[in-house]
């Protein structure tokens, strides 16, 4: 596979997925507020969204969507609205005097809801398919074989799974949860700020 830049592809994914962003912050917040099971389940939802965009880009859907800019525009508004929703509820938790009783997206009791939130967070982000589209176009030559493509897709999926599920496990460690319990107002404030800034940027920036 000397003609396929697998290290470049996986390195780009690691930087994009592991760096602080809406998905990683949501996983961390859910793990600290609701425990390991919910955090890792939300991470599983994010992973499934990531794999969905990976398949879409690998099999040419990215090019189709790029030719129809209105699809990205619709997804951009949906994604921005969802992030702003998370920002509002996180801000409510930060403002409340009793954060533990505040129903926010960070505190989840249902595995299905955790998975659904993670999937929605990633599937409504049009920048994800732009990322995967650019990664495949840069890292794969035009004569890539089906076996090489399958190897790249499997490697991306394994890396994505490790990062997102790993975040769910890491931030559910008792000491980390203990810190969150004492400083939940500040964490929720940080979540509100991050979700709000990213939502506004997504809402005001033209992707195409």
N, C-alpha and C. Protein backbone atom coordinates (compact mmCIF):
# COMPACT_ATOMS: atom_id res chain seq x y z
N UNK A 1 0.82 -1.20 0.00
CA UNK A 1 0.00 0.00 0.00
C UNK A 1 0.86 1.26 0.00
N UNK A 2 1.99 1.20 -0.70
CA UNK A 2 2.89 2.35 -0.72
C UNK A 2 2.29 3.55 -1.44
N UNK A 3 1.29 3.31 -2.31
CA UNK A 3 0.69 4.41 -3.04
C UNK A 3 -0.52 5.00 -2.34
N UNK A 4 -0.86 4.50 -1.18
CA UNK A 4 -1.98 5.03 -0.39
C UNK A 4 -1.40 5.65 0.87
N UNK A 5 -1.69 6.92 1.11
CA UNK A 5 -1.11 7.64 2.24
C UNK A 5 -1.93 7.40 3.52
N UNK A 6 -1.88 6.16 4.00
CA UNK A 6 -2.67 5.79 5.17
C UNK A 6 -2.26 6.57 6.43
N UNK A 7 -0.95 6.75 6.70
CA UNK A 7 -0.57 7.56 7.88
C UNK A 7 -1.12 8.98 7.82
N UNK A 8 -1.11 9.58 6.63
CA UNK A 8 -1.65 10.93 6.49
C UNK A 8 -3.15 10.95 6.78
N UNK A 9 -3.85 9.95 6.25
CA UNK A 9 -5.30 9.88 6.45
C UNK A 9 -5.64 9.70 7.93
N UNK A 10 -4.98 8.74 8.58
CA UNK A 10 -5.27 8.48 9.99
C UNK A 10 -4.81 9.64 10.87
N UNK A 11 -3.71 10.28 10.50
CA UNK A 11 -3.25 11.44 11.27
C UNK A 11 -4.24 12.59 11.20
N UNK A 12 -4.78 12.83 10.01
CA UNK A 12 -5.77 13.89 9.86
C UNK A 12 -7.02 13.59 10.66
N UNK A 13 -7.46 12.32 10.64
CA UNK A 13 -8.64 11.93 11.41
C UNK A 13 -8.39 12.09 12.90
N UNK A 14 -7.21 11.69 13.37
CA UNK A 14 -6.91 11.79 14.79
C UNK A 14 -6.94 13.23 15.27
N UNK A 15 -6.33 14.12 14.50
CA UNK A 15 -6.31 15.54 14.87
C UNK A 15 -7.73 16.10 14.89
N UNK A 16 -8.52 15.75 13.87
CA UNK A 16 -9.88 16.29 13.77
C UNK A 16 -10.80 15.73 14.85
N UNK A 17 -10.69 14.42 15.12
CA UNK A 17 -11.61 13.78 16.05
C UNK A 17 -11.21 13.95 17.51
N UNK A 18 -9.91 13.94 17.79
CA UNK A 18 -9.46 13.99 19.18
C UNK A 18 -9.38 15.41 19.73
N UNK A 19 -9.30 16.40 18.86
CA UNK A 19 -9.22 17.78 19.35
C UNK A 19 -10.57 18.21 19.91
N UNK A 20 -10.60 19.14 20.89
CA UNK A 20 -11.85 19.58 21.49
C UNK A 20 -12.82 20.14 20.45
N UNK A 21 -14.03 19.64 20.48
CA UNK A 21 -15.08 20.08 19.57
C UNK A 21 -16.42 19.67 20.13
N UNK A 22 -17.52 19.95 19.43
CA UNK A 22 -18.85 19.63 19.95
C UNK A 22 -19.02 18.15 20.31
N UNK A 23 -18.55 17.25 19.45
CA UNK A 23 -18.73 15.83 19.69
C UNK A 23 -17.95 15.37 20.93
N UNK A 24 -16.66 15.73 20.99
CA UNK A 24 -15.84 15.29 22.11
C UNK A 24 -16.31 15.93 23.42
N UNK A 25 -16.74 17.19 23.37
CA UNK A 25 -17.24 17.84 24.58
C UNK A 25 -18.54 17.21 25.05
N UNK A 26 -19.40 16.83 24.11
CA UNK A 26 -20.66 16.18 24.48
C UNK A 26 -20.40 14.81 25.11
N UNK A 27 -19.46 14.07 24.55
CA UNK A 27 -19.11 12.76 25.13
C UNK A 27 -18.55 12.94 26.53
N UNK A 28 -17.62 13.88 26.68
CA UNK A 28 -17.00 14.11 27.98
C UNK A 28 -18.04 14.55 29.00
N UNK A 29 -18.90 15.50 28.63
CA UNK A 29 -19.92 15.99 29.55
C UNK A 29 -20.91 14.91 29.95
N UNK A 30 -21.32 14.08 29.01
CA UNK A 30 -22.27 13.01 29.31
C UNK A 30 -21.64 11.97 30.23
N UNK A 31 -20.38 11.63 29.99
CA UNK A 31 -19.70 10.65 30.84
C UNK A 31 -19.57 11.16 32.27
N UNK A 32 -19.22 12.44 32.42
CA UNK A 32 -19.05 13.01 33.75
C UNK A 32 -20.39 13.15 34.47
N UNK A 33 -21.44 13.51 33.72
CA UNK A 33 -22.73 13.76 34.35
C UNK A 33 -23.56 12.49 34.53
N UNK A 34 -23.44 11.54 33.60
CA UNK A 34 -24.33 10.38 33.61
C UNK A 34 -23.62 9.04 33.71
N UNK A 35 -22.30 9.04 33.70
CA UNK A 35 -21.58 7.78 33.86
C UNK A 35 -21.03 7.19 32.58
N UNK A 36 -20.24 6.14 32.76
CA UNK A 36 -19.51 5.54 31.65
C UNK A 36 -20.42 4.97 30.57
N UNK A 37 -21.48 4.29 30.98
CA UNK A 37 -22.35 3.64 29.99
C UNK A 37 -22.96 4.66 29.04
N UNK A 38 -23.48 5.77 29.59
CA UNK A 38 -24.12 6.77 28.75
C UNK A 38 -23.09 7.51 27.88
N UNK A 39 -21.93 7.79 28.46
CA UNK A 39 -20.90 8.49 27.69
C UNK A 39 -20.40 7.66 26.53
N UNK A 40 -20.17 6.37 26.78
CA UNK A 40 -19.67 5.50 25.71
C UNK A 40 -20.76 5.23 24.68
N UNK A 41 -22.03 5.20 25.13
CA UNK A 41 -23.13 5.01 24.18
C UNK A 41 -23.28 6.23 23.28
N UNK A 42 -23.14 7.42 23.86
CA UNK A 42 -23.17 8.63 23.04
C UNK A 42 -22.00 8.63 22.07
N UNK A 43 -20.84 8.20 22.55
CA UNK A 43 -19.68 8.07 21.67
C UNK A 43 -19.92 7.10 20.54
N UNK A 44 -20.68 6.03 20.81
CA UNK A 44 -21.02 5.07 19.77
C UNK A 44 -21.89 5.72 18.70
N UNK A 45 -22.81 6.60 19.14
CA UNK A 45 -23.63 7.33 18.17
C UNK A 45 -22.80 8.25 17.30
N UNK A 46 -21.84 8.94 17.90
CA UNK A 46 -20.94 9.80 17.13
C UNK A 46 -20.13 8.96 16.14
N UNK A 47 -19.67 7.80 16.61
CA UNK A 47 -18.91 6.91 15.73
C UNK A 47 -19.74 6.47 14.53
N UNK A 48 -21.00 6.11 14.75
CA UNK A 48 -21.86 5.69 13.65
C UNK A 48 -22.07 6.83 12.66
N UNK A 49 -22.20 8.06 13.17
CA UNK A 49 -22.29 9.20 12.27
C UNK A 49 -21.03 9.37 11.46
N UNK A 50 -19.89 9.17 12.09
CA UNK A 50 -18.60 9.27 11.41
C UNK A 50 -18.47 8.23 10.31
N UNK A 51 -18.86 6.99 10.61
CA UNK A 51 -18.79 5.91 9.62
C UNK A 51 -19.75 6.19 8.46
N UNK A 52 -20.90 6.76 8.76
CA UNK A 52 -21.86 7.10 7.70
C UNK A 52 -21.25 8.06 6.70
N UNK A 53 -20.61 9.12 7.21
CA UNK A 53 -19.98 10.10 6.32
C UNK A 53 -18.78 9.49 5.59
N UNK A 54 -18.07 8.59 6.25
CA UNK A 54 -16.93 7.93 5.62
C UNK A 54 -17.39 7.11 4.41
N UNK A 55 -18.46 6.33 4.59
CA UNK A 55 -19.00 5.54 3.49
C UNK A 55 -19.50 6.45 2.37
N UNK A 56 -20.17 7.54 2.77
CA UNK A 56 -20.71 8.46 1.77
C UNK A 56 -19.60 9.05 0.91
N UNK A 57 -18.52 9.46 1.55
CA UNK A 57 -17.40 10.04 0.81
C UNK A 57 -16.68 9.00 -0.04
N UNK A 58 -16.52 7.79 0.50
CA UNK A 58 -15.78 6.74 -0.21
C UNK A 58 -16.51 6.30 -1.47
N UNK A 59 -17.82 6.33 -1.44
CA UNK A 59 -18.59 5.85 -2.59
C UNK A 59 -19.20 6.96 -3.43
N UNK A 60 -18.66 8.17 -3.29
CA UNK A 60 -19.00 9.24 -4.22
C UNK A 60 -20.15 10.13 -3.86
N UNK A 61 -20.79 9.90 -2.69
CA UNK A 61 -21.91 10.76 -2.34
C UNK A 61 -21.47 12.19 -2.09
N UNK A 62 -20.23 12.36 -1.64
CA UNK A 62 -19.73 13.71 -1.39
C UNK A 62 -19.79 14.55 -2.66
N UNK A 63 -19.39 13.95 -3.78
CA UNK A 63 -19.41 14.68 -5.04
C UNK A 63 -20.84 15.04 -5.44
N UNK A 64 -21.77 14.11 -5.20
CA UNK A 64 -23.17 14.38 -5.53
C UNK A 64 -23.71 15.52 -4.69
N UNK A 65 -23.39 15.50 -3.40
CA UNK A 65 -23.88 16.55 -2.51
C UNK A 65 -23.24 17.89 -2.83
N UNK A 66 -21.98 17.88 -3.21
CA UNK A 66 -21.31 19.12 -3.58
C UNK A 66 -21.95 19.74 -4.81
N UNK A 67 -22.51 18.90 -5.68
CA UNK A 67 -23.17 19.41 -6.88
C UNK A 67 -24.55 19.97 -6.57
N UNK A 68 -25.06 19.69 -5.39
CA UNK A 68 -26.36 20.20 -4.96
C UNK A 68 -26.16 20.94 -3.63
N UNK A 69 -25.75 22.17 -3.73
CA UNK A 69 -25.36 22.95 -2.55
C UNK A 69 -26.51 23.11 -1.56
N UNK A 70 -27.75 23.06 -2.04
CA UNK A 70 -28.89 23.27 -1.14
C UNK A 70 -28.96 22.19 -0.05
N UNK A 71 -28.44 20.98 -0.37
CA UNK A 71 -28.44 19.91 0.64
C UNK A 71 -27.56 20.32 1.82
N UNK A 72 -26.38 20.88 1.51
CA UNK A 72 -25.49 21.34 2.56
C UNK A 72 -26.11 22.50 3.34
N UNK A 73 -26.82 23.36 2.64
CA UNK A 73 -27.44 24.50 3.31
C UNK A 73 -28.48 24.04 4.32
N UNK A 74 -29.30 23.07 3.93
CA UNK A 74 -30.31 22.52 4.84
C UNK A 74 -29.65 21.89 6.05
N UNK A 75 -28.63 21.07 5.81
CA UNK A 75 -27.94 20.40 6.91
C UNK A 75 -27.21 21.41 7.79
N UNK A 76 -26.72 22.47 7.18
CA UNK A 76 -26.02 23.50 7.95
C UNK A 76 -26.97 24.14 8.97
N UNK A 77 -28.18 24.44 8.55
CA UNK A 77 -29.15 25.06 9.46
C UNK A 77 -29.61 24.08 10.54
N UNK A 78 -29.80 22.82 10.16
CA UNK A 78 -30.20 21.82 11.14
C UNK A 78 -29.10 21.62 12.18
N UNK A 79 -27.86 21.49 11.71
CA UNK A 79 -26.74 21.31 12.63
C UNK A 79 -26.55 22.49 13.56
N UNK A 80 -26.66 23.70 13.01
CA UNK A 80 -26.50 24.91 13.83
C UNK A 80 -27.60 24.99 14.87
N UNK A 81 -28.84 24.66 14.48
CA UNK A 81 -29.96 24.71 15.42
C UNK A 81 -29.76 23.73 16.56
N UNK A 82 -29.26 22.53 16.25
CA UNK A 82 -29.04 21.53 17.29
C UNK A 82 -27.94 21.97 18.25
N UNK A 83 -26.87 22.55 17.74
CA UNK A 83 -25.79 23.02 18.60
C UNK A 83 -26.25 24.17 19.49
N UNK A 84 -27.06 25.05 18.95
CA UNK A 84 -27.58 26.17 19.75
C UNK A 84 -28.55 25.65 20.82
N UNK A 85 -29.28 24.60 20.49
CA UNK A 85 -30.15 23.95 21.49
C UNK A 85 -29.32 23.42 22.65
N UNK A 86 -28.21 22.73 22.33
CA UNK A 86 -27.32 22.24 23.38
C UNK A 86 -26.74 23.40 24.20
N UNK A 87 -26.43 24.50 23.53
CA UNK A 87 -25.86 25.66 24.23
C UNK A 87 -26.85 26.24 25.22
N UNK A 88 -28.11 26.37 24.81
CA UNK A 88 -29.14 26.95 25.68
C UNK A 88 -29.33 26.11 26.93
N UNK A 89 -29.46 24.79 26.75
CA UNK A 89 -29.70 23.94 27.90
C UNK A 89 -28.47 23.81 28.81
N UNK A 90 -27.30 23.85 28.24
CA UNK A 90 -26.09 23.85 29.06
C UNK A 90 -25.99 25.16 29.85
N UNK A 91 -26.38 26.26 29.23
CA UNK A 91 -26.38 27.54 29.94
C UNK A 91 -27.39 27.54 31.08
N UNK A 92 -28.53 26.90 30.87
CA UNK A 92 -29.52 26.78 31.95
C UNK A 92 -28.94 26.02 33.13
N UNK A 93 -28.20 24.95 32.84
CA UNK A 93 -27.59 24.16 33.91
C UNK A 93 -26.55 24.98 34.66
N UNK A 94 -25.78 25.78 33.93
CA UNK A 94 -24.76 26.61 34.56
C UNK A 94 -25.40 27.68 35.43
N UNK A 95 -26.55 28.20 35.00
CA UNK A 95 -27.21 29.29 35.73
C UNK A 95 -27.95 28.78 36.95
N UNK A 96 -28.44 27.54 36.88
CA UNK A 96 -29.24 26.98 37.96
C UNK A 96 -28.41 26.80 39.22
N UNK A 97 -29.06 26.94 40.35
CA UNK A 97 -28.38 26.73 41.64
C UNK A 97 -28.27 25.25 41.97
N UNK A 98 -29.03 24.42 41.27
CA UNK A 98 -29.02 22.98 41.54
C UNK A 98 -28.84 22.24 40.23
N UNK A 99 -27.60 22.19 39.78
CA UNK A 99 -27.30 21.62 38.47
C UNK A 99 -27.71 20.16 38.37
N UNK A 100 -27.63 19.42 39.46
CA UNK A 100 -27.90 17.99 39.41
C UNK A 100 -29.34 17.69 39.02
N UNK A 101 -30.26 18.66 39.30
CA UNK A 101 -31.66 18.43 38.99
C UNK A 101 -32.09 19.12 37.70
N UNK A 102 -31.17 19.70 37.02
CA UNK A 102 -31.50 20.38 35.78
C UNK A 102 -31.44 19.41 34.62
N UNK A 103 -32.55 19.29 33.88
CA UNK A 103 -32.59 18.36 32.75
C UNK A 103 -31.87 18.99 31.56
N UNK A 104 -30.68 18.53 31.28
CA UNK A 104 -29.90 19.05 30.16
C UNK A 104 -29.48 17.91 29.26
N UNK A 105 -29.07 18.21 28.02
CA UNK A 105 -28.61 17.14 27.15
C UNK A 105 -27.35 16.45 27.67
N UNK A 106 -26.63 17.10 28.58
CA UNK A 106 -25.42 16.48 29.12
C UNK A 106 -25.76 15.35 30.09
N UNK A 107 -26.90 15.48 30.79
CA UNK A 107 -27.33 14.45 31.73
C UNK A 107 -28.36 13.56 31.05
N UNK A 108 -28.02 12.28 30.83
CA UNK A 108 -28.87 11.37 30.08
C UNK A 108 -29.06 10.08 30.86
N UNK A 109 -30.29 9.57 30.87
CA UNK A 109 -30.58 8.34 31.61
C UNK A 109 -30.96 7.19 30.68
N UNK A 110 -31.19 7.46 29.41
CA UNK A 110 -31.61 6.44 28.46
C UNK A 110 -30.50 6.15 27.44
N UNK A 111 -30.08 4.88 27.31
CA UNK A 111 -29.05 4.55 26.32
C UNK A 111 -29.46 4.93 24.89
N UNK A 112 -30.73 4.73 24.56
CA UNK A 112 -31.19 5.09 23.22
C UNK A 112 -31.08 6.59 22.98
N UNK A 113 -31.44 7.38 23.99
CA UNK A 113 -31.33 8.83 23.86
C UNK A 113 -29.87 9.24 23.71
N UNK A 114 -28.99 8.60 24.47
CA UNK A 114 -27.56 8.91 24.37
C UNK A 114 -27.05 8.62 22.96
N UNK A 115 -27.40 7.44 22.44
CA UNK A 115 -26.97 7.08 21.09
C UNK A 115 -27.55 8.04 20.06
N UNK A 116 -28.83 8.35 20.20
CA UNK A 116 -29.50 9.25 19.25
C UNK A 116 -28.88 10.63 19.27
N UNK A 117 -28.54 11.13 20.46
CA UNK A 117 -27.92 12.45 20.56
C UNK A 117 -26.55 12.47 19.88
N UNK A 118 -25.76 11.42 20.11
CA UNK A 118 -24.45 11.35 19.48
C UNK A 118 -24.54 11.27 17.97
N UNK A 119 -25.48 10.46 17.49
CA UNK A 119 -25.66 10.34 16.04
C UNK A 119 -26.12 11.66 15.44
N UNK A 120 -27.08 12.30 16.08
CA UNK A 120 -27.60 13.58 15.57
C UNK A 120 -26.52 14.64 15.56
N UNK A 121 -25.68 14.64 16.58
CA UNK A 121 -24.63 15.64 16.68
C UNK A 121 -23.66 15.56 15.50
N UNK A 122 -23.39 14.35 15.04
CA UNK A 122 -22.39 14.17 13.98
C UNK A 122 -23.01 14.12 12.59
N UNK A 123 -24.22 13.57 12.50
CA UNK A 123 -24.83 13.42 11.19
C UNK A 123 -25.35 14.75 10.65
N UNK A 124 -25.59 15.71 11.54
CA UNK A 124 -26.09 17.02 11.09
C UNK A 124 -24.96 18.03 10.88
N UNK A 125 -23.72 17.56 10.95
CA UNK A 125 -22.58 18.44 10.74
C UNK A 125 -22.07 18.27 9.30
N UNK A 126 -22.41 19.19 8.40
CA UNK A 126 -21.99 19.04 7.00
C UNK A 126 -20.48 19.11 6.82
N UNK A 127 -19.76 19.67 7.81
CA UNK A 127 -18.31 19.73 7.69
C UNK A 127 -17.68 18.34 7.77
N UNK A 128 -18.41 17.39 8.35
CA UNK A 128 -17.87 16.04 8.47
C UNK A 128 -17.68 15.40 7.10
N UNK A 129 -18.69 15.54 6.23
CA UNK A 129 -18.54 14.93 4.90
C UNK A 129 -17.52 15.69 4.06
N UNK A 130 -17.37 17.00 4.30
CA UNK A 130 -16.32 17.75 3.61
C UNK A 130 -14.95 17.25 4.06
N UNK A 131 -14.84 16.95 5.37
CA UNK A 131 -13.58 16.42 5.89
C UNK A 131 -13.25 15.08 5.26
N UNK A 132 -14.22 14.16 5.29
CA UNK A 132 -13.97 12.84 4.73
C UNK A 132 -13.74 12.91 3.22
N UNK A 133 -14.48 13.79 2.54
CA UNK A 133 -14.27 13.93 1.11
C UNK A 133 -12.87 14.39 0.77
N UNK A 134 -12.37 15.36 1.54
CA UNK A 134 -11.02 15.85 1.28
C UNK A 134 -9.96 14.83 1.67
N UNK A 135 -10.19 14.10 2.76
CA UNK A 135 -9.23 13.09 3.19
C UNK A 135 -9.10 11.99 2.15
N UNK A 136 -10.22 11.51 1.63
CA UNK A 136 -10.17 10.45 0.62
C UNK A 136 -9.52 10.96 -0.67
N UNK A 137 -9.82 12.19 -1.06
CA UNK A 137 -9.26 12.70 -2.31
C UNK A 137 -7.76 12.96 -2.20
N UNK A 138 -7.29 13.36 -1.02
CA UNK A 138 -5.86 13.63 -0.83
C UNK A 138 -5.08 12.34 -0.61
N UNK A 139 -5.64 11.44 0.18
CA UNK A 139 -4.89 10.25 0.58
C UNK A 139 -4.97 9.08 -0.37
N UNK A 140 -5.98 9.07 -1.27
CA UNK A 140 -6.14 7.93 -2.17
C UNK A 140 -5.90 8.33 -3.62
N UNK A 141 -5.06 7.59 -4.32
CA UNK A 141 -4.85 7.86 -5.75
C UNK A 141 -6.04 7.38 -6.57
N UNK A 142 -6.12 7.77 -7.82
CA UNK A 142 -7.25 7.40 -8.67
C UNK A 142 -7.30 5.91 -8.98
N UNK A 143 -6.16 5.23 -8.89
CA UNK A 143 -6.14 3.80 -9.20
C UNK A 143 -6.20 2.91 -7.96
N UNK A 144 -6.77 3.44 -6.88
CA UNK A 144 -6.89 2.67 -5.64
C UNK A 144 -7.74 1.42 -5.88
N UNK A 145 -7.28 0.29 -5.42
CA UNK A 145 -8.01 -0.97 -5.59
C UNK A 145 -9.11 -1.08 -4.53
N UNK A 146 -10.11 -1.93 -4.77
CA UNK A 146 -11.17 -2.14 -3.77
C UNK A 146 -10.61 -2.62 -2.43
N UNK A 147 -9.56 -3.45 -2.48
CA UNK A 147 -8.96 -3.95 -1.24
C UNK A 147 -8.31 -2.81 -0.45
N UNK A 148 -7.63 -1.92 -1.16
CA UNK A 148 -7.01 -0.77 -0.49
C UNK A 148 -8.07 0.15 0.10
N UNK A 149 -9.13 0.39 -0.66
CA UNK A 149 -10.21 1.24 -0.16
C UNK A 149 -10.84 0.65 1.10
N UNK A 150 -11.05 -0.67 1.08
CA UNK A 150 -11.63 -1.34 2.24
C UNK A 150 -10.70 -1.23 3.45
N UNK A 151 -9.39 -1.35 3.21
CA UNK A 151 -8.41 -1.22 4.30
C UNK A 151 -8.44 0.18 4.91
N UNK A 152 -8.50 1.18 4.05
CA UNK A 152 -8.54 2.56 4.53
C UNK A 152 -9.82 2.81 5.33
N UNK A 153 -10.96 2.35 4.81
CA UNK A 153 -12.23 2.56 5.50
C UNK A 153 -12.24 1.86 6.85
N UNK A 154 -11.71 0.63 6.89
CA UNK A 154 -11.65 -0.12 8.15
C UNK A 154 -10.72 0.57 9.15
N UNK A 155 -9.60 1.10 8.67
CA UNK A 155 -8.65 1.80 9.54
C UNK A 155 -9.26 3.08 10.10
N UNK A 156 -9.98 3.81 9.25
CA UNK A 156 -10.65 5.03 9.72
C UNK A 156 -11.71 4.69 10.77
N UNK A 157 -12.46 3.63 10.51
CA UNK A 157 -13.50 3.23 11.46
C UNK A 157 -12.90 2.82 12.80
N UNK A 158 -11.81 2.05 12.76
CA UNK A 158 -11.17 1.60 14.00
C UNK A 158 -10.61 2.78 14.80
N UNK A 159 -9.98 3.72 14.10
CA UNK A 159 -9.44 4.90 14.77
C UNK A 159 -10.54 5.75 15.37
N UNK A 160 -11.60 5.96 14.60
CA UNK A 160 -12.73 6.75 15.08
C UNK A 160 -13.37 6.10 16.30
N UNK A 161 -13.56 4.78 16.25
CA UNK A 161 -14.16 4.04 17.37
C UNK A 161 -13.31 4.19 18.62
N UNK A 162 -12.01 4.02 18.47
CA UNK A 162 -11.10 4.11 19.62
C UNK A 162 -11.15 5.49 20.26
N UNK A 163 -11.18 6.53 19.45
CA UNK A 163 -11.17 7.90 19.98
C UNK A 163 -12.47 8.21 20.71
N UNK A 164 -13.61 7.98 20.06
CA UNK A 164 -14.89 8.39 20.63
C UNK A 164 -15.29 7.52 21.83
N UNK A 165 -15.09 6.23 21.73
CA UNK A 165 -15.40 5.36 22.87
C UNK A 165 -14.39 5.61 23.99
N UNK A 166 -13.14 5.87 23.62
CA UNK A 166 -12.10 6.17 24.62
C UNK A 166 -12.42 7.42 25.42
N UNK A 167 -12.95 8.44 24.77
CA UNK A 167 -13.35 9.64 25.49
C UNK A 167 -14.44 9.31 26.51
N UNK A 168 -15.39 8.48 26.11
CA UNK A 168 -16.46 8.09 27.04
C UNK A 168 -15.93 7.38 28.25
N UNK A 169 -14.94 6.52 28.05
CA UNK A 169 -14.34 5.80 29.18
C UNK A 169 -13.49 6.73 30.04
N UNK A 170 -12.67 7.56 29.41
CA UNK A 170 -11.74 8.41 30.14
C UNK A 170 -12.45 9.36 31.10
N UNK A 171 -13.50 10.02 30.61
CA UNK A 171 -14.16 11.03 31.43
C UNK A 171 -15.18 10.46 32.41
N UNK A 172 -15.28 9.13 32.45
CA UNK A 172 -16.16 8.51 33.45
C UNK A 172 -15.37 7.98 34.64
N UNK A 173 -14.05 8.16 34.63
CA UNK A 173 -13.21 7.73 35.76
C UNK A 173 -13.68 8.46 37.03
N UNK A 174 -13.83 7.76 38.15
CA UNK A 174 -14.38 8.36 39.36
C UNK A 174 -13.75 9.69 39.75
N UNK A 175 -12.44 9.82 39.65
CA UNK A 175 -11.80 11.08 40.03
C UNK A 175 -12.24 12.22 39.12
N UNK A 176 -12.38 11.92 37.84
CA UNK A 176 -12.82 12.95 36.90
C UNK A 176 -14.26 13.34 37.20
N UNK A 177 -15.12 12.36 37.47
CA UNK A 177 -16.52 12.65 37.81
C UNK A 177 -16.61 13.43 39.12
N UNK A 178 -15.70 13.13 40.04
CA UNK A 178 -15.69 13.85 41.31
C UNK A 178 -15.38 15.33 41.09
N UNK A 179 -14.41 15.59 40.23
CA UNK A 179 -14.08 16.98 39.89
C UNK A 179 -15.27 17.67 39.24
N UNK A 180 -15.95 16.95 38.34
CA UNK A 180 -17.11 17.52 37.68
C UNK A 180 -18.21 17.85 38.69
N UNK A 181 -18.40 16.96 39.68
CA UNK A 181 -19.43 17.20 40.68
C UNK A 181 -19.20 18.49 41.44
N UNK A 182 -17.92 18.84 41.66
CA UNK A 182 -17.61 20.06 42.42
C UNK A 182 -17.60 21.31 41.54
N UNK A 183 -17.42 21.11 40.25
CA UNK A 183 -17.28 22.27 39.36
C UNK A 183 -18.24 22.19 38.17
N UNK A 184 -19.39 21.54 38.35
CA UNK A 184 -20.30 21.32 37.22
C UNK A 184 -20.79 22.62 36.60
N UNK A 185 -20.95 23.67 37.45
CA UNK A 185 -21.41 24.95 36.90
C UNK A 185 -20.43 25.48 35.86
N UNK A 186 -19.13 25.36 36.14
CA UNK A 186 -18.12 25.86 35.21
C UNK A 186 -18.05 25.00 33.96
N UNK A 187 -18.18 23.68 34.15
CA UNK A 187 -18.18 22.80 32.99
C UNK A 187 -19.37 23.11 32.08
N UNK A 188 -20.55 23.24 32.66
CA UNK A 188 -21.72 23.53 31.86
C UNK A 188 -21.60 24.89 31.16
N UNK A 189 -20.98 25.85 31.84
CA UNK A 189 -20.75 27.15 31.21
C UNK A 189 -19.83 27.02 30.01
N UNK A 190 -18.77 26.19 30.17
CA UNK A 190 -17.84 25.97 29.05
C UNK A 190 -18.54 25.27 27.90
N UNK A 191 -19.40 24.27 28.22
CA UNK A 191 -20.15 23.59 27.18
C UNK A 191 -21.06 24.57 26.43
N UNK A 192 -21.75 25.42 27.19
CA UNK A 192 -22.65 26.40 26.57
C UNK A 192 -21.89 27.33 25.63
N UNK A 193 -20.72 27.79 26.09
CA UNK A 193 -19.91 28.70 25.26
C UNK A 193 -19.45 28.00 23.99
N UNK A 194 -18.93 26.78 24.13
CA UNK A 194 -18.41 26.07 22.96
C UNK A 194 -19.53 25.77 21.96
N UNK A 195 -20.63 25.17 22.45
CA UNK A 195 -21.73 24.84 21.55
C UNK A 195 -22.29 26.09 20.88
N UNK A 196 -22.39 27.18 21.64
CA UNK A 196 -22.92 28.42 21.08
C UNK A 196 -22.02 28.99 20.00
N UNK A 197 -20.72 29.04 20.27
CA UNK A 197 -19.78 29.59 19.28
C UNK A 197 -19.75 28.77 18.00
N UNK A 198 -19.70 27.44 18.15
CA UNK A 198 -19.66 26.59 16.97
C UNK A 198 -20.98 26.67 16.20
N UNK A 199 -22.10 26.72 16.93
CA UNK A 199 -23.40 26.83 16.28
C UNK A 199 -23.53 28.12 15.49
N UNK A 200 -23.12 29.24 16.09
CA UNK A 200 -23.19 30.53 15.40
C UNK A 200 -22.26 30.55 14.19
N UNK A 201 -21.07 29.99 14.35
CA UNK A 201 -20.13 29.97 13.22
C UNK A 201 -20.68 29.13 12.08
N UNK A 202 -21.26 27.98 12.42
CA UNK A 202 -21.84 27.13 11.39
C UNK A 202 -23.02 27.81 10.71
N UNK A 203 -23.76 28.61 11.48
CA UNK A 203 -24.93 29.29 10.95
C UNK A 203 -24.55 30.44 10.02
N UNK A 204 -23.43 31.08 10.30
CA UNK A 204 -23.06 32.29 9.56
C UNK A 204 -22.01 32.08 8.49
N UNK A 205 -21.37 30.89 8.46
CA UNK A 205 -20.32 30.64 7.49
C UNK A 205 -20.85 29.86 6.32
N UNK A 206 -20.60 30.35 5.13
CA UNK A 206 -21.00 29.62 3.93
C UNK A 206 -19.99 28.50 3.67
N UNK A 207 -20.48 27.26 3.64
CA UNK A 207 -19.61 26.10 3.46
C UNK A 207 -19.27 25.91 1.99
N UNK A 208 -20.23 26.15 1.14
CA UNK A 208 -19.99 25.99 -0.30
C UNK A 208 -19.64 27.34 -0.89
